[in-house]
């Protein structure tokens, strides 16, 4: 089947095929690291993580680049407020932001190029822009002349006279037109700066993505992505810079993710609804958050509410229950003899239908709502199979499980994620430490996860010694605290209910 992608550049769905053989080159605008990552970031990067996973599911080799803006007006202002070096400040938040995405279960990009480490590449692109007559120098600043680039506005669909109506020249700027934008900013006291043919200074924000995407992926490349808010002016400016400098097309497909709202409103610190990934993960499991974000179509504006997360948590439980039933049946040593039953044939057909319906949904512009609908329809059929089959077929359940997990992986389900430092409940930790002492487990640990694992180990030891009262007591006490214990072939696991 052909993958059709909505291309923001043409405003139509188009059949997708890579420019070079079977390799997809994808660039997604990264974070400006002046504070912790928030759930708006989570919305964008979960969406593009799912897109990359599906491209790989279809057999493509994907090179995924996501930049880090580590020198910027907001970073400089925040560093000055804290009395630290701006690059040291941005390094701290680069690490924290990437930790948060990892803890959320977003797979890392192949490359995270930093603006501060690619200044020569940006300077070289600015020189190309100037030599082609698309820019000018004014008092140590360098600007791009929008009037000189005839195709400016082709991504956003705006006309220049409309743009001019809302544009203005800020105090201190020496640009010729309100639409012109900075390629290079002359150095100011106390700000990071680098040498250039126009004097010491630092790059404008837009130039870094044009320069680094071309450097690491070559031009043209297949997919450029980012949040819907970046389409204008950032992505419009990227196209103008790259194509003016090189004379080559920039990116073939432009994909923009819809912006998340909070209880129907735009997320804003001034509205008091600003939520960081760390704050959210202190209350909700990462898989619940991922599923909430992944089940929304990437171009839609998902609305975050606590109720929506609660509903997702219940739906996720249904998915896990079927996974566990398939795992248990797959491991069964009971072999079926005789002809294949009608129930088995029907379930085999359901497995094939799941694969086909999932692919059809995702091939339609990565339609994750339809993909999840196909997954839940399979859940219903699997549960019916377990009710109707006198003895579930182990081989059939293994095939179902493989398909189920493969599709779940694309949708960012069923994966373990590394922990991130959280503000854990001290009362819960104290209670778990008390239980650990009671059951002679490691009670000196200071994290919920560590104490739970220690109690599970104590339960395993009690079961081996046939101390059933102790084993049952650990399970009962943990369930009272809201933790469900499940015994698997790989050992016991716990999950927050």
Foldseek 3Di string as FASTA:
>chain_A
DWFWAQFLLVRRTDTDDWPDDQEAEEEEEADAQQDFAFVQNVLFLLQVLLVVLVSVVVPGHYQYEYEYEQADPSLLVSCVVVVHQSNVNSVVRVVRRVQLNQQLLRDDGPYYHYQVVCQVLLLLLLVLLVVLVQWDDDPLWIKGNPVVQVCQCSSVVDDPVVVLVPFDDDPPDDDPGSPIDTQWDEDDPPGDWDQHPSGITGGDDQSSCLRVSCVPPNPAGEEYEYAPVCSPPRVSVSQSSNCSRPVGGHYDGYDHFYGEAEPPHRDDVVVVRIGGSQNVVLPDRSQLSLLQSLLDQRNDHHYDDPVSSVVSVVVLVLLVVLLQVLQVLLPDPDADDDDDDPLLVVLLVLLVVLVVQLCVCCSHNHNNNSNVVSLVVNSVSSVVSVVPDPRDHNVSSVSSSVSSVSSCVSSSPDDDGDDDDHPHDQVLLVVLLVVCVVLVWPSPDRDPVVSLVRLQVSLVVCVVVVVVVSNVVSQVVVVVVQWHWDQDPVGIDIDGD
